[in-house]
Amino acid sequence: MGKNDIRICNKCTHTQVKTLVPKLQKLAPHDEIKVACKSYCGPCKRSAFIFVNGRYLTGTTEDEALDKAKKYIKA
């Protein structure tokens, strides 16, 4: 079982599941990446976000959100 709780939204207009999931899997290879609507629609319409271990991390781009998420992913 993985150490991290990582979730992304499949409805978000600022991220692409096809590109974001593989990037997250490289950072946390033993963790399940949960993909579903997070009911975070207000902020989701304005920026990309990734939910990591209890934190919503946002960025203007998918890669910016990913950079912020890196420090919260447990090795």
N, C-alpha and C. Protein backbone atom coordinates (compact mmCIF):
# COMPACT_ATOMS: atom_id res chain seq x y z
N MET A 1 0.84 -1.18 0.00
CA MET A 1 0.00 0.00 0.00
C MET A 1 0.88 1.24 0.00
N GLY A 2 0.46 2.26 -0.73
CA GLY A 2 1.24 3.48 -0.84
C GLY A 2 1.17 4.36 0.40
N LYS A 3 2.06 5.32 0.44
CA LYS A 3 2.15 6.25 1.56
C LYS A 3 1.36 7.52 1.31
N ASN A 4 0.99 7.77 0.07
CA ASN A 4 0.40 9.05 -0.31
C ASN A 4 -1.05 8.93 -0.74
N ASP A 5 -1.80 9.98 -0.44
CA ASP A 5 -3.17 10.13 -0.92
C ASP A 5 -3.11 11.20 -2.01
N ILE A 6 -3.14 10.75 -3.27
CA ILE A 6 -3.01 11.66 -4.41
C ILE A 6 -4.27 11.57 -5.24
N ARG A 7 -4.87 12.73 -5.50
CA ARG A 7 -6.12 12.77 -6.26
C ARG A 7 -6.09 13.90 -7.28
N ILE A 8 -6.66 13.64 -8.44
CA ILE A 8 -6.82 14.69 -9.45
C ILE A 8 -8.24 14.62 -9.99
N CYS A 9 -8.67 15.71 -10.58
CA CYS A 9 -10.02 15.80 -11.11
C CYS A 9 -10.02 15.52 -12.61
N ASN A 10 -10.93 14.68 -13.05
CA ASN A 10 -11.03 14.40 -14.47
C ASN A 10 -11.90 15.41 -15.20
N LYS A 11 -12.47 16.38 -14.49
CA LYS A 11 -13.31 17.42 -15.09
C LYS A 11 -12.57 18.75 -15.20
N CYS A 12 -11.42 18.86 -14.55
CA CYS A 12 -10.66 20.10 -14.53
C CYS A 12 -10.24 20.50 -15.94
N THR A 13 -10.41 21.76 -16.27
CA THR A 13 -10.07 22.23 -17.61
C THR A 13 -8.59 22.62 -17.73
N HIS A 14 -7.87 22.62 -16.61
CA HIS A 14 -6.47 23.04 -16.63
C HIS A 14 -5.47 21.89 -16.55
N THR A 15 -5.98 20.67 -16.44
CA THR A 15 -5.09 19.51 -16.42
C THR A 15 -5.61 18.45 -17.38
N GLN A 16 -4.71 17.62 -17.82
CA GLN A 16 -5.04 16.51 -18.70
C GLN A 16 -4.67 15.21 -17.97
N VAL A 17 -5.65 14.35 -17.75
CA VAL A 17 -5.42 13.10 -17.05
C VAL A 17 -4.33 12.28 -17.76
N LYS A 18 -4.36 12.27 -19.10
CA LYS A 18 -3.39 11.48 -19.88
C LYS A 18 -1.94 11.89 -19.63
N THR A 19 -1.71 13.16 -19.33
CA THR A 19 -0.34 13.60 -19.10
C THR A 19 0.02 13.70 -17.62
N LEU A 20 -0.96 14.06 -16.79
CA LEU A 20 -0.66 14.26 -15.37
C LEU A 20 -0.47 12.96 -14.60
N VAL A 21 -1.27 11.95 -14.88
CA VAL A 21 -1.14 10.68 -14.15
C VAL A 21 0.26 10.07 -14.32
N PRO A 22 0.80 9.97 -15.54
CA PRO A 22 2.16 9.41 -15.67
C PRO A 22 3.21 10.22 -14.92
N LYS A 23 3.08 11.53 -14.89
CA LYS A 23 4.04 12.37 -14.15
C LYS A 23 3.95 12.09 -12.65
N LEU A 24 2.73 11.94 -12.15
CA LEU A 24 2.55 11.64 -10.73
C LEU A 24 3.04 10.23 -10.40
N GLN A 25 2.84 9.30 -11.31
CA GLN A 25 3.30 7.93 -11.08
C GLN A 25 4.82 7.85 -11.00
N LYS A 26 5.52 8.71 -11.70
CA LYS A 26 6.98 8.75 -11.60
C LYS A 26 7.41 9.23 -10.22
N LEU A 27 6.66 10.17 -9.65
CA LEU A 27 6.99 10.71 -8.34
C LEU A 27 6.60 9.77 -7.20
N ALA A 28 5.53 9.02 -7.41
CA ALA A 28 5.01 8.12 -6.37
C ALA A 28 4.64 6.78 -7.02
N PRO A 29 5.65 5.99 -7.42
CA PRO A 29 5.39 4.78 -8.21
C PRO A 29 4.56 3.70 -7.50
N HIS A 30 4.51 3.71 -6.19
CA HIS A 30 3.78 2.67 -5.46
C HIS A 30 2.41 3.13 -4.98
N ASP A 31 2.03 4.32 -5.36
CA ASP A 31 0.77 4.88 -4.89
C ASP A 31 -0.28 4.88 -5.99
N GLU A 32 -1.52 4.74 -5.57
CA GLU A 32 -2.64 4.83 -6.50
C GLU A 32 -2.98 6.31 -6.69
N ILE A 33 -3.15 6.71 -7.94
CA ILE A 33 -3.57 8.07 -8.25
C ILE A 33 -5.08 8.00 -8.48
N LYS A 34 -5.84 8.62 -7.62
CA LYS A 34 -7.30 8.58 -7.72
C LYS A 34 -7.77 9.68 -8.67
N VAL A 35 -8.56 9.30 -9.66
CA VAL A 35 -9.05 10.24 -10.67
C VAL A 35 -10.57 10.27 -10.63
N ALA A 36 -11.11 11.41 -10.24
CA ALA A 36 -12.56 11.62 -10.20
C ALA A 36 -12.81 13.08 -9.88
N CYS A 37 -14.04 13.51 -10.07
CA CYS A 37 -14.40 14.88 -9.73
C CYS A 37 -14.22 15.08 -8.23
N LYS A 38 -13.62 16.19 -7.84
CA LYS A 38 -13.34 16.48 -6.44
C LYS A 38 -14.29 17.52 -5.85
N SER A 39 -15.28 17.95 -6.64
CA SER A 39 -16.23 18.99 -6.20
C SER A 39 -15.49 20.23 -5.72
N TYR A 40 -14.47 20.60 -6.45
CA TYR A 40 -13.63 21.76 -6.17
C TYR A 40 -13.72 22.71 -7.36
N CYS A 41 -14.94 22.84 -7.89
CA CYS A 41 -15.16 23.47 -9.18
C CYS A 41 -14.81 24.95 -9.26
N GLY A 42 -14.99 25.70 -8.22
CA GLY A 42 -14.64 27.12 -8.28
C GLY A 42 -13.17 27.32 -8.60
N PRO A 43 -12.28 26.87 -7.71
CA PRO A 43 -10.85 26.98 -7.98
C PRO A 43 -10.41 26.18 -9.20
N CYS A 44 -11.06 25.07 -9.46
CA CYS A 44 -10.71 24.22 -10.59
C CYS A 44 -10.88 24.95 -11.92
N LYS A 45 -11.84 25.85 -11.99
CA LYS A 45 -12.05 26.61 -13.22
C LYS A 45 -10.97 27.66 -13.45
N ARG A 46 -10.28 28.06 -12.39
CA ARG A 46 -9.27 29.11 -12.48
C ARG A 46 -7.85 28.60 -12.62
N SER A 47 -7.57 27.40 -12.10
CA SER A 47 -6.19 26.92 -12.12
C SER A 47 -6.14 25.39 -12.05
N ALA A 48 -4.98 24.86 -12.36
CA ALA A 48 -4.75 23.42 -12.25
C ALA A 48 -4.57 23.09 -10.77
N PHE A 49 -5.03 21.92 -10.36
CA PHE A 49 -4.79 21.53 -8.97
C PHE A 49 -4.56 20.04 -8.84
N ILE A 50 -3.85 19.71 -7.78
CA ILE A 50 -3.58 18.33 -7.40
C ILE A 50 -3.80 18.25 -5.89
N PHE A 51 -4.54 17.25 -5.45
CA PHE A 51 -4.77 17.02 -4.03
C PHE A 51 -3.73 16.02 -3.57
N VAL A 52 -2.87 16.42 -2.62
CA VAL A 52 -1.82 15.53 -2.12
C VAL A 52 -1.83 15.55 -0.60
N ASN A 53 -2.11 14.40 -0.02
CA ASN A 53 -2.04 14.23 1.44
C ASN A 53 -2.73 15.35 2.21
N GLY A 54 -3.94 15.66 1.83
CA GLY A 54 -4.74 16.64 2.55
C GLY A 54 -4.59 18.08 2.10
N ARG A 55 -3.78 18.32 1.09
CA ARG A 55 -3.55 19.69 0.61
C ARG A 55 -4.00 19.82 -0.84
N TYR A 56 -4.70 20.91 -1.12
CA TYR A 56 -5.01 21.26 -2.50
C TYR A 56 -3.89 22.18 -2.98
N LEU A 57 -3.16 21.73 -3.99
CA LEU A 57 -2.03 22.50 -4.51
C LEU A 57 -2.39 22.98 -5.91
N THR A 58 -2.29 24.27 -6.13
CA THR A 58 -2.72 24.84 -7.40
C THR A 58 -1.56 25.49 -8.14
N GLY A 59 -1.76 25.67 -9.43
CA GLY A 59 -0.79 26.35 -10.26
C GLY A 59 -1.47 26.86 -11.52
N THR A 60 -0.84 27.80 -12.18
CA THR A 60 -1.42 28.31 -13.42
C THR A 60 -1.37 27.27 -14.53
N THR A 61 -0.44 26.32 -14.40
CA THR A 61 -0.33 25.22 -15.35
C THR A 61 -0.25 23.90 -14.58
N GLU A 62 -0.45 22.82 -15.30
CA GLU A 62 -0.32 21.48 -14.72
C GLU A 62 1.08 21.28 -14.14
N ASP A 63 2.11 21.70 -14.85
CA ASP A 63 3.48 21.51 -14.38
C ASP A 63 3.78 22.35 -13.14
N GLU A 64 3.21 23.54 -13.05
CA GLU A 64 3.41 24.37 -11.87
C GLU A 64 2.76 23.72 -10.65
N ALA A 65 1.57 23.19 -10.81
CA ALA A 65 0.91 22.48 -9.71
C ALA A 65 1.71 21.24 -9.32
N LEU A 66 2.26 20.54 -10.29
CA LEU A 66 3.08 19.36 -10.04
C LEU A 66 4.34 19.73 -9.25
N ASP A 67 4.98 20.83 -9.62
CA ASP A 67 6.18 21.27 -8.88
C ASP A 67 5.84 21.54 -7.42
N LYS A 68 4.70 22.16 -7.17
CA LYS A 68 4.29 22.42 -5.78
C LYS A 68 3.98 21.13 -5.04
N ALA A 69 3.40 20.17 -5.74
CA ALA A 69 3.01 18.90 -5.13
C ALA A 69 4.22 18.06 -4.72
N LYS A 70 5.32 18.20 -5.43
CA LYS A 70 6.51 17.36 -5.19
C LYS A 70 6.95 17.38 -3.73
N LYS A 71 6.91 18.53 -3.08
CA LYS A 71 7.42 18.60 -1.72
C LYS A 71 6.49 17.96 -0.69
N TYR A 72 5.27 17.62 -1.08
CA TYR A 72 4.33 17.00 -0.16
C TYR A 72 4.18 15.49 -0.41
N ILE A 73 4.82 14.98 -1.43
CA ILE A 73 4.77 13.55 -1.73
C ILE A 73 5.84 12.85 -0.90
N LYS A 74 5.41 11.90 -0.09
CA LYS A 74 6.32 11.16 0.78
C LYS A 74 7.02 10.07 -0.01
N ALA A 75 8.33 10.00 0.16
CA ALA A 75 9.12 8.99 -0.54
C ALA A 75 8.97 7.63 0.08
